[in-house]
N, C-alpha and C. Protein backbone atom coordinates (compact mmCIF):
# COMPACT_ATOMS: atom_id res chain seq x y z
N MET A 1 -6.27 -23.04 6.27
CA MET A 1 -5.75 -23.41 5.42
C MET A 1 -5.63 -24.81 4.82
N LEU A 2 -5.95 -24.81 3.16
CA LEU A 2 -5.91 -26.14 2.97
C LEU A 2 -4.25 -26.69 2.32
N THR A 3 -4.10 -27.88 3.03
CA THR A 3 -2.93 -28.19 2.73
C THR A 3 -3.03 -29.34 1.46
N PRO A 4 -1.58 -29.40 0.63
CA PRO A 4 -2.04 -30.64 -0.72
C PRO A 4 -1.85 -31.84 0.08
N LYS A 5 -2.21 -32.28 0.58
CA LYS A 5 -2.21 -33.94 1.28
C LYS A 5 -3.21 -34.83 0.02
N SER A 6 -4.06 -34.73 -0.48
CA SER A 6 -4.95 -35.68 -1.15
C SER A 6 -4.82 -34.98 -2.50
N PRO A 7 -5.55 -35.62 -3.64
CA PRO A 7 -5.64 -35.18 -4.70
C PRO A 7 -6.68 -34.20 -4.78
N LYS A 8 -7.45 -34.29 -3.92
CA LYS A 8 -8.81 -33.12 -3.85
C LYS A 8 -8.12 -32.12 -3.46
N ASN A 9 -7.61 -32.19 -2.19
CA ASN A 9 -6.94 -31.02 -1.48
C ASN A 9 -5.96 -30.00 -2.34
N LEU A 10 -4.84 -30.60 -3.08
CA LEU A 10 -3.82 -30.28 -4.06
C LEU A 10 -4.54 -29.39 -4.69
N GLU A 11 -5.86 -29.85 -6.00
CA GLU A 11 -6.53 -29.29 -6.72
C GLU A 11 -7.02 -28.13 -6.63
N ALA A 12 -7.51 -28.33 -4.98
CA ALA A 12 -8.08 -26.87 -4.24
C ALA A 12 -7.30 -25.99 -4.18
N PHE A 13 -5.86 -26.34 -3.55
CA PHE A 13 -4.92 -25.50 -2.84
C PHE A 13 -4.14 -24.85 -4.60
N LEU A 14 -4.24 -25.43 -5.41
CA LEU A 14 -3.79 -24.89 -6.47
C LEU A 14 -4.51 -24.02 -7.21
N ASP A 15 -6.10 -24.52 -7.24
CA ASP A 15 -6.91 -23.51 -8.07
C ASP A 15 -6.60 -22.15 -7.15
N LYS A 16 -6.64 -22.22 -5.39
CA LYS A 16 -6.77 -20.67 -4.99
C LYS A 16 -5.22 -20.05 -4.98
N LEU A 17 -4.29 -20.90 -5.30
CA LEU A 17 -2.99 -20.04 -5.64
C LEU A 17 -2.92 -19.55 -6.79
N GLY A 18 -3.98 -19.79 -7.84
CA GLY A 18 -3.89 -19.95 -8.94
C GLY A 18 -4.96 -18.70 -9.32
N ASN A 19 -5.43 -18.82 -8.60
CA ASN A 19 -6.54 -17.65 -8.41
C ASN A 19 -6.31 -15.97 -7.56
N ARG A 20 -5.23 -16.48 -6.32
CA ARG A 20 -4.59 -15.61 -5.79
C ARG A 20 -3.22 -14.81 -6.95
N ALA A 21 -2.66 -15.83 -7.48
CA ALA A 21 -1.74 -14.92 -8.68
C ALA A 21 -2.34 -14.04 -9.68
N VAL A 22 -3.52 -14.69 -10.28
CA VAL A 22 -4.12 -13.93 -11.41
C VAL A 22 -4.70 -12.62 -10.79
N GLU A 23 -5.29 -12.48 -9.79
CA GLU A 23 -5.58 -11.30 -8.90
C GLU A 23 -4.62 -10.06 -8.72
N ALA A 24 -3.56 -11.22 -7.84
CA ALA A 24 -2.37 -9.69 -8.00
C ALA A 24 -1.71 -9.29 -9.14
N PHE A 25 -2.05 -10.10 -10.05
CA PHE A 25 -1.50 -9.35 -11.23
C PHE A 25 -2.23 -8.45 -12.25
N HIS A 26 -3.69 -8.73 -11.92
CA HIS A 26 -4.51 -7.88 -12.25
C HIS A 26 -4.21 -6.24 -11.75
N TYR A 27 -4.03 -6.79 -10.15
CA TYR A 27 -4.06 -5.58 -9.64
C TYR A 27 -2.81 -4.81 -9.82
N LEU A 28 -1.62 -5.55 -9.85
CA LEU A 28 -0.10 -4.70 -10.18
C LEU A 28 -0.41 -4.14 -12.07
N ALA A 29 -1.56 -5.27 -12.56
CA ALA A 29 -0.80 -4.34 -14.01
C ALA A 29 -2.25 -3.13 -13.88
N LEU A 30 -3.37 -3.31 -12.95
CA LEU A 30 -3.95 -2.24 -13.09
C LEU A 30 -3.16 -0.95 -12.64
N PHE A 31 -2.72 -0.88 -11.22
CA PHE A 31 -1.55 0.65 -10.63
C PHE A 31 -0.66 0.33 -11.46
N ILE A 32 0.12 -0.16 -12.47
CA ILE A 32 0.85 0.27 -13.56
C ILE A 32 0.06 1.36 -14.34
N ILE A 33 -1.18 0.36 -14.89
CA ILE A 33 -1.74 1.40 -16.05
C ILE A 33 -2.28 2.62 -15.62
N GLY A 34 -3.17 2.62 -14.14
CA GLY A 34 -3.24 3.84 -13.58
C GLY A 34 -2.10 5.00 -13.29
N CYS A 35 -0.84 4.57 -12.92
CA CYS A 35 0.38 5.60 -13.22
C CYS A 35 0.27 6.17 -14.21
N MET A 36 0.64 5.10 -15.13
CA MET A 36 0.95 6.00 -16.58
C MET A 36 -0.05 6.97 -16.85
N VAL A 37 -1.53 6.54 -16.95
CA VAL A 37 -2.52 7.24 -17.17
C VAL A 37 -2.17 8.86 -16.21
N ALA A 38 -1.86 8.27 -15.10
CA ALA A 38 -2.13 9.22 -14.11
C ALA A 38 -0.57 10.47 -14.52
N TRP A 39 0.65 10.05 -14.90
CA TRP A 39 1.91 10.47 -15.48
C TRP A 39 1.50 11.13 -17.17
N SER A 40 0.87 10.70 -17.56
CA SER A 40 0.48 11.37 -19.09
C SER A 40 -0.59 12.38 -18.68
N ALA A 41 -1.59 12.71 -17.94
CA ALA A 41 -2.07 13.54 -17.57
C ALA A 41 -1.40 14.98 -17.38
N ILE A 42 -0.60 14.36 -16.26
CA ILE A 42 0.14 15.53 -15.23
C ILE A 42 1.24 16.31 -16.55
N HIS A 43 1.71 15.32 -17.25
CA HIS A 43 2.46 15.68 -18.67
C HIS A 43 2.03 16.57 -19.59
N THR A 44 0.85 16.35 -20.12
CA THR A 44 -0.06 16.97 -20.69
C THR A 44 -0.42 18.32 -19.98
N THR A 45 -1.12 17.96 -18.48
CA THR A 45 -1.40 19.46 -18.34
C THR A 45 0.24 20.82 -18.28
N ILE A 46 1.26 20.02 -17.89
CA ILE A 46 2.43 20.64 -17.40
C ILE A 46 3.10 21.21 -18.66
N ASP A 47 2.69 20.30 -19.76
CA ASP A 47 3.08 20.85 -21.18
C ASP A 47 2.35 22.00 -21.50
N ILE A 48 0.94 22.07 -21.13
CA ILE A 48 -0.04 23.05 -21.50
C ILE A 48 0.36 24.19 -20.87
N PHE A 49 0.68 24.56 -19.94
CA PHE A 49 1.14 25.53 -18.54
C PHE A 49 2.53 26.07 -19.16
N THR A 50 3.46 25.34 -19.35
CA THR A 50 4.47 25.88 -19.85
C THR A 50 5.04 26.22 -20.88
N VAL A 51 4.76 25.03 -22.19
CA VAL A 51 5.21 25.05 -23.41
C VAL A 51 3.96 26.14 -24.33
N LYS A 52 2.94 25.79 -24.53
CA LYS A 52 1.71 25.95 -25.07
C LYS A 52 1.27 27.51 -24.25
N LYS A 53 1.27 27.58 -22.97
CA LYS A 53 0.70 28.86 -22.66
C LYS A 53 -1.03 28.83 -22.50
N TYR A 54 -1.61 28.06 -23.41
CA TYR A 54 -3.16 28.21 -23.45
C TYR A 54 -3.87 26.39 -23.92
N ALA A 55 -4.98 26.25 -23.49
CA ALA A 55 -5.10 24.87 -23.87
C ALA A 55 -5.55 25.13 -25.58
N THR A 56 -5.72 24.05 -26.22
CA THR A 56 -6.31 24.02 -27.36
C THR A 56 -7.81 22.67 -26.94
N ILE A 57 -8.66 22.86 -28.07
CA ILE A 57 -9.70 21.96 -27.75
C ILE A 57 -9.30 20.56 -28.08
N ASP A 58 -7.64 20.26 -28.82
CA ASP A 58 -7.48 19.31 -28.50
C ASP A 58 -6.89 18.61 -27.37
N ASP A 59 -6.26 19.36 -26.51
CA ASP A 59 -5.85 19.17 -25.02
C ASP A 59 -6.74 19.36 -24.46
N ILE A 60 -7.55 19.62 -24.46
CA ILE A 60 -8.71 19.61 -23.63
C ILE A 60 -9.61 18.11 -23.80
N LEU A 61 -9.78 17.82 -24.95
CA LEU A 61 -10.16 16.31 -25.24
C LEU A 61 -9.21 15.22 -24.88
N LEU A 62 -8.19 15.47 -25.13
CA LEU A 62 -7.08 14.82 -24.54
C LEU A 62 -7.26 14.54 -23.08
N LEU A 63 -7.41 15.54 -22.51
CA LEU A 63 -7.54 15.28 -20.99
C LEU A 63 -8.62 14.99 -20.73
N PHE A 64 -9.62 15.09 -21.31
CA PHE A 64 -10.77 14.35 -21.20
C PHE A 64 -10.54 12.70 -21.26
N ILE A 65 -9.92 12.25 -22.24
CA ILE A 65 -9.68 10.63 -22.72
C ILE A 65 -9.14 10.45 -21.49
N TYR A 66 -7.93 11.17 -20.93
CA TYR A 66 -7.06 10.48 -19.78
C TYR A 66 -8.01 10.36 -18.90
N LEU A 67 -8.94 11.27 -18.48
CA LEU A 67 -10.05 10.91 -17.30
C LEU A 67 -11.15 9.86 -17.68
N GLU A 68 -11.57 9.66 -18.37
CA GLU A 68 -12.40 8.58 -19.02
C GLU A 68 -11.20 7.11 -18.54
N LEU A 69 -9.83 7.03 -19.16
CA LEU A 69 -9.42 6.17 -18.97
C LEU A 69 -9.16 5.64 -17.42
N GLY A 70 -8.66 6.73 -16.53
CA GLY A 70 -8.59 6.63 -15.42
C GLY A 70 -10.08 6.43 -14.49
N ALA A 71 -11.28 6.63 -14.75
CA ALA A 71 -12.34 6.17 -14.60
C ALA A 71 -12.13 4.58 -14.73
N MET A 72 -11.80 4.25 -15.79
CA MET A 72 -12.01 2.98 -16.33
C MET A 72 -11.19 1.85 -15.18
N VAL A 73 -9.90 2.72 -15.12
CA VAL A 73 -8.84 1.69 -14.27
C VAL A 73 -9.82 1.70 -12.54
N GLY A 74 -10.27 2.93 -12.72
CA GLY A 74 -11.11 2.46 -10.93
C GLY A 74 -12.32 1.83 -10.89
N ILE A 75 -12.80 1.77 -12.07
CA ILE A 75 -14.08 0.89 -11.75
C ILE A 75 -13.58 -0.69 -12.07
N TYR A 76 -12.75 -0.83 -12.42
CA TYR A 76 -12.17 -2.00 -12.57
C TYR A 76 -11.40 -2.36 -11.09
N PHE A 77 -10.83 -1.78 -10.28
CA PHE A 77 -10.30 -1.85 -9.42
C PHE A 77 -11.43 -1.94 -8.26
N LYS A 78 -12.76 -1.73 -8.25
CA LYS A 78 -13.63 -1.82 -7.60
C LYS A 78 -14.48 -2.66 -7.77
N THR A 79 -14.64 -3.32 -9.01
CA THR A 79 -15.66 -4.56 -9.54
C THR A 79 -15.31 -5.61 -10.01
N ASN A 80 -14.12 -5.39 -10.72
CA ASN A 80 -13.25 -6.44 -11.11
C ASN A 80 -13.67 -6.72 -12.71
N HIS A 81 -14.63 -5.52 -12.97
CA HIS A 81 -15.42 -5.72 -14.42
C HIS A 81 -14.73 -4.79 -15.16
N MET A 82 -14.83 -4.93 -16.49
CA MET A 82 -14.22 -3.99 -17.58
C MET A 82 -15.12 -3.29 -18.17
N PRO A 83 -15.95 -1.79 -17.62
CA PRO A 83 -16.62 -1.05 -18.35
C PRO A 83 -17.00 -0.63 -19.62
N VAL A 84 -17.62 -1.60 -20.15
CA VAL A 84 -17.85 -1.53 -21.66
C VAL A 84 -17.66 -0.11 -22.12
N ARG A 85 -18.84 0.09 -21.52
CA ARG A 85 -19.20 1.69 -21.99
C ARG A 85 -18.30 3.11 -22.26
N PHE A 86 -17.55 2.48 -21.40
CA PHE A 86 -16.34 3.89 -20.62
C PHE A 86 -15.31 3.68 -22.40
N LEU A 87 -14.83 2.20 -22.96
CA LEU A 87 -14.30 2.41 -23.81
C LEU A 87 -15.02 3.03 -24.75
N ILE A 88 -16.08 2.87 -25.27
CA ILE A 88 -16.95 3.19 -26.13
C ILE A 88 -16.73 5.21 -26.23
N TYR A 89 -16.88 5.41 -24.94
CA TYR A 89 -16.48 6.86 -24.43
C TYR A 89 -15.27 7.69 -24.96
N VAL A 90 -14.26 6.72 -24.61
CA VAL A 90 -13.17 6.91 -25.04
C VAL A 90 -12.91 6.75 -26.59
N ALA A 91 -13.58 5.68 -27.42
CA ALA A 91 -13.46 5.72 -28.55
C ALA A 91 -14.10 7.45 -29.41
N ILE A 92 -15.08 7.18 -28.80
CA ILE A 92 -16.00 8.83 -29.21
C ILE A 92 -15.23 9.96 -28.97
N THR A 93 -14.52 10.19 -28.16
CA THR A 93 -13.65 11.45 -27.93
C THR A 93 -12.90 11.39 -28.40
N ALA A 94 -12.08 10.27 -28.75
CA ALA A 94 -10.92 10.39 -29.67
C ALA A 94 -11.21 10.95 -31.21
N LEU A 95 -12.29 10.08 -31.49
CA LEU A 95 -13.16 10.24 -32.80
C LEU A 95 -12.87 11.88 -33.17
N THR A 96 -14.09 12.35 -32.00
CA THR A 96 -14.16 13.65 -31.76
C THR A 96 -12.87 14.74 -32.32
N ARG A 97 -12.02 14.08 -31.38
CA ARG A 97 -10.97 14.93 -31.26
C ARG A 97 -9.85 15.11 -33.01
N LEU A 98 -10.41 14.27 -33.38
CA LEU A 98 -9.60 14.14 -34.65
C LEU A 98 -10.67 14.58 -35.51
N LEU A 99 -11.79 14.45 -35.76
CA LEU A 99 -12.85 15.24 -36.25
C LEU A 99 -12.67 16.57 -36.25
N ILE A 100 -12.25 17.20 -35.05
CA ILE A 100 -12.15 18.99 -34.53
C ILE A 100 -10.79 19.28 -35.21
N SER A 101 -9.55 18.66 -34.73
CA SER A 101 -8.02 18.40 -35.52
C SER A 101 -8.39 18.77 -36.98
N ASP A 102 -9.29 17.72 -37.81
CA ASP A 102 -9.36 17.45 -39.14
C ASP A 102 -10.21 19.09 -39.95
N ILE A 103 -11.11 19.51 -39.15
CA ILE A 103 -11.98 20.66 -39.17
C ILE A 103 -10.69 22.04 -39.10
N GLN A 104 -10.08 21.83 -38.25
CA GLN A 104 -9.30 23.29 -37.94
C GLN A 104 -8.24 23.26 -39.08
N HIS A 105 -7.88 22.18 -39.32
CA HIS A 105 -6.33 22.17 -40.30
C HIS A 105 -6.73 22.43 -41.30
N ASN A 106 -7.63 21.96 -41.95
CA ASN A 106 -7.97 21.64 -43.28
C ASN A 106 -9.02 22.24 -43.96
N HIS A 107 -9.82 23.28 -43.19
CA HIS A 107 -10.84 23.77 -43.35
C HIS A 107 -11.71 23.80 -44.49
N GLN A 108 -12.16 22.05 -44.88
CA GLN A 108 -13.15 21.85 -45.79
C GLN A 108 -13.67 20.61 -45.92
N ALA A 109 -14.96 20.39 -46.34
CA ALA A 109 -15.18 19.17 -46.19
C ALA A 109 -14.95 18.38 -47.08
N ASP A 110 -15.08 16.96 -46.54
CA ASP A 110 -14.56 15.75 -47.65
C ASP A 110 -14.99 14.48 -47.04
N VAL A 111 -14.60 13.36 -47.66
CA VAL A 111 -15.60 11.93 -46.92
C VAL A 111 -14.80 11.63 -45.86
N ASP A 112 -13.68 11.93 -45.85
CA ASP A 112 -12.76 11.50 -44.43
C ASP A 112 -14.02 11.93 -43.27
N LEU A 113 -14.97 13.41 -43.38
CA LEU A 113 -15.33 14.01 -42.25
C LEU A 113 -16.43 13.04 -41.77
N LEU A 114 -17.50 12.49 -43.29
CA LEU A 114 -18.52 12.11 -43.33
C LEU A 114 -17.92 10.52 -42.81
N ILE A 115 -17.20 9.90 -42.90
CA ILE A 115 -16.70 8.73 -41.99
C ILE A 115 -16.55 8.61 -40.84
N VAL A 116 -16.31 9.87 -40.20
CA VAL A 116 -15.69 10.24 -38.89
C VAL A 116 -17.08 10.13 -37.85
N THR A 117 -18.04 11.53 -38.67
CA THR A 117 -19.10 11.40 -37.98
C THR A 117 -19.89 10.15 -37.90
N GLY A 118 -20.12 9.81 -39.03
CA GLY A 118 -20.88 8.25 -39.02
C GLY A 118 -20.07 6.95 -37.78
N SER A 119 -18.83 7.26 -37.97
CA SER A 119 -18.07 6.31 -36.99
C SER A 119 -18.79 6.59 -35.40
N ILE A 120 -18.92 8.05 -35.54
CA ILE A 120 -19.33 8.81 -34.03
C ILE A 120 -20.52 8.38 -33.62
N LEU A 121 -21.50 8.11 -34.68
CA LEU A 121 -22.92 7.96 -34.73
C LEU A 121 -23.44 6.46 -34.20
N ILE A 122 -22.62 5.42 -35.03
CA ILE A 122 -22.72 4.26 -34.36
C ILE A 122 -21.97 3.56 -33.52
N LEU A 123 -21.06 4.32 -32.56
CA LEU A 123 -20.49 4.43 -31.21
C LEU A 123 -22.00 4.34 -30.52
N ALA A 124 -22.12 6.08 -30.69
CA ALA A 124 -23.51 6.31 -29.66
C ALA A 124 -24.51 5.26 -29.98
N ILE A 125 -25.19 4.85 -31.43
CA ILE A 125 -26.08 3.72 -31.25
C ILE A 125 -25.60 2.65 -30.70
N ALA A 126 -24.32 2.66 -30.37
CA ALA A 126 -23.80 1.15 -29.50
C ALA A 126 -23.95 1.57 -28.04
N ILE A 127 -23.76 2.81 -27.94
CA ILE A 127 -24.11 3.14 -26.36
C ILE A 127 -25.64 2.61 -25.79
N LEU A 128 -26.89 3.46 -26.64
CA LEU A 128 -27.55 3.07 -26.44
C LEU A 128 -27.88 1.50 -26.47
N ILE A 129 -27.66 0.59 -26.91
CA ILE A 129 -27.89 -0.96 -27.06
C ILE A 129 -27.10 -1.35 -26.05
N VAL A 130 -25.87 -0.92 -25.30
CA VAL A 130 -25.79 -1.71 -24.37
C VAL A 130 -26.61 -1.43 -23.20
N ARG A 131 -26.87 0.38 -22.94
CA ARG A 131 -27.78 0.02 -22.13
C ARG A 131 -29.23 0.10 -21.89
N TYR A 132 -29.93 -0.36 -22.69
CA TYR A 132 -30.94 -0.67 -23.30
C TYR A 132 -31.27 -2.00 -22.93
N ALA A 133 -29.73 -2.87 -23.42
CA ALA A 133 -29.72 -4.25 -22.34
C ALA A 133 -29.32 -4.56 -21.50
N SER A 134 -28.71 -3.82 -20.90
CA SER A 134 -28.41 -4.03 -18.83
C SER A 134 -29.61 -3.58 -18.57
N TRP A 135 -30.51 -2.57 -18.89
CA TRP A 135 -31.40 -1.95 -18.15
C TRP A 135 -32.56 -3.14 -18.48
N HIS A 136 -33.08 -3.89 -19.56
CA HIS A 136 -34.14 -4.36 -19.50
C HIS A 136 -33.91 -6.10 -19.56
N TYR A 137 -32.72 -6.41 -19.46
CA TYR A 137 -32.24 -7.71 -19.08
C TYR A 137 -31.20 -8.13 -18.57
N PRO A 138 -31.17 -7.68 -16.81
CA PRO A 138 -30.23 -7.92 -15.94
C PRO A 138 -29.95 -9.40 -15.56
N SER A 139 -29.42 -10.00 -15.67
CA SER A 139 -29.42 -10.88 -15.24
C SER A 139 -28.45 -11.12 -13.54
N VAL A 140 -27.50 -10.76 -13.31
CA VAL A 140 -26.64 -10.53 -11.85
C VAL A 140 -26.21 -9.20 -11.21
N ILE A 141 -26.56 -8.92 -10.28
CA ILE A 141 -26.12 -7.71 -9.96
C ILE A 141 -24.81 -8.16 -9.52
N ARG A 142 -23.50 -7.74 -9.95
CA ARG A 142 -22.43 -7.75 -9.86
C ARG A 142 -21.69 -6.63 -8.55
N ASP A 143 -20.84 -7.93 -7.53
CA ASP A 143 -19.92 -7.03 -6.75
C ASP A 143 -19.15 -7.80 -6.80
N LYS A 144 -17.79 -7.40 -6.15
CA LYS A 144 -16.68 -7.63 -6.06
C LYS A 144 -16.76 -9.27 -5.85
N HIS A 145 -17.37 -8.93 -4.38
CA HIS A 145 -17.17 -10.80 -3.74
C HIS A 145 -18.28 -11.51 -3.81
N GLN A 146 -19.38 -10.67 -4.17
CA GLN A 146 -20.45 -12.01 -4.62
C GLN A 146 -21.39 -11.79 -5.88
N GLU A 147 -22.06 -12.50 -6.40
CA GLU A 147 -22.70 -12.37 -7.76
C GLU A 147 -24.20 -13.10 -7.12
N ARG A 148 -24.90 -12.86 -7.04
CA ARG A 148 -26.47 -12.93 -6.99
C ARG A 148 -27.32 -12.39 -7.84
N PRO A 149 -28.46 -13.64 -8.42
CA PRO A 149 -29.20 -13.25 -9.03
C PRO A 149 -29.81 -12.02 -8.51
N LEU A 150 -30.73 -10.85 -9.46
CA LEU A 150 -31.91 -10.35 -9.69
C LEU A 150 -33.11 -10.70 -8.76
N ALA A 151 -33.44 -10.07 -7.54
CA ALA A 151 -34.55 -10.61 -7.52
C ALA A 151 -35.82 -10.02 -7.99
N LYS A 152 -36.65 -10.72 -8.23
CA LYS A 152 -38.29 -10.57 -8.42
C LYS A 152 -38.47 -9.13 -8.09
N GLY A 153 -38.57 -8.04 -8.78
CA GLY A 153 -39.47 -6.41 -8.74
C GLY A 153 -38.19 -5.87 -8.07
N GLU A 154 -37.15 -6.30 -8.07
CA GLU A 154 -35.70 -5.21 -7.82
C GLU A 154 -35.20 -4.77 -8.80
N THR A 155 -35.08 -3.19 -8.17
CA THR A 155 -34.15 -2.49 -9.83
C THR A 155 -33.23 -2.35 -9.70
N PRO A 156 -32.28 -2.90 -10.88
CA PRO A 156 -30.70 -2.92 -11.14
C PRO A 156 -30.29 -1.39 -11.03
N ARG A 157 -29.22 -1.64 -10.01
CA ARG A 157 -28.47 -0.46 -9.73
C ARG A 157 -27.99 0.46 -11.45
N PRO A 158 -27.46 1.75 -11.28
CA PRO A 158 -27.36 2.24 -12.69
C PRO A 158 -26.04 1.87 -12.54
N GLU A 159 -25.23 1.77 -11.89
CA GLU A 159 -23.66 1.26 -12.51
C GLU A 159 -23.79 -0.26 -12.69
N ASP A 160 -24.86 -1.05 -12.73
CA ASP A 160 -24.70 -2.59 -13.09
C ASP A 160 -24.49 -2.59 -14.86
N ASP A 161 -25.24 -1.41 -15.32
CA ASP A 161 -24.97 -1.52 -17.13
C ASP A 161 -23.47 -0.99 -17.29
N GLU A 162 -22.71 -0.44 -16.64
CA GLU A 162 -21.63 0.02 -16.95
C GLU A 162 -20.41 -1.46 -16.99
N LEU A 163 -20.95 -2.19 -16.24
CA LEU A 163 -20.28 -3.52 -15.82
C LEU A 163 -20.51 -4.55 -17.12
N ALA A 164 -21.61 -4.46 -18.37
CA ALA A 164 -21.55 -5.34 -19.40
C ALA A 164 -20.64 -5.92 -20.15
């Protein structure tokens, strides 16, 4: 273990201490977020079974949002990188939920529907761009404990594109 005896050792010691503090904060915050997502999903499920007696399409899409958020937290725990695609999936699911709810309640077409569907299309194109870029231009295979350049002729793992 480094002891802070010289300025160089002090800097290395403080750097190591700072990195551990940040990592501890990340894990604590992720644990809290994961618990909140799980509790919200459980609360929604209990509400569906006890109050509503059946699930609407809005409820099912809300549970999908919870699933995607939980998957994001899990991937972040494993890799220490935020999966950008999952954020886009959450946005698409939320917009789809809004679209279905609006159609169900208003029963008429208007400009708002066109805006929401256009937004969904733009997000779908964004996913294609992220996947294309990460597949064709991989720079590093990411792992929680190491980063190494992609070897010549090596194929990137499918999960690497979720870490972009």
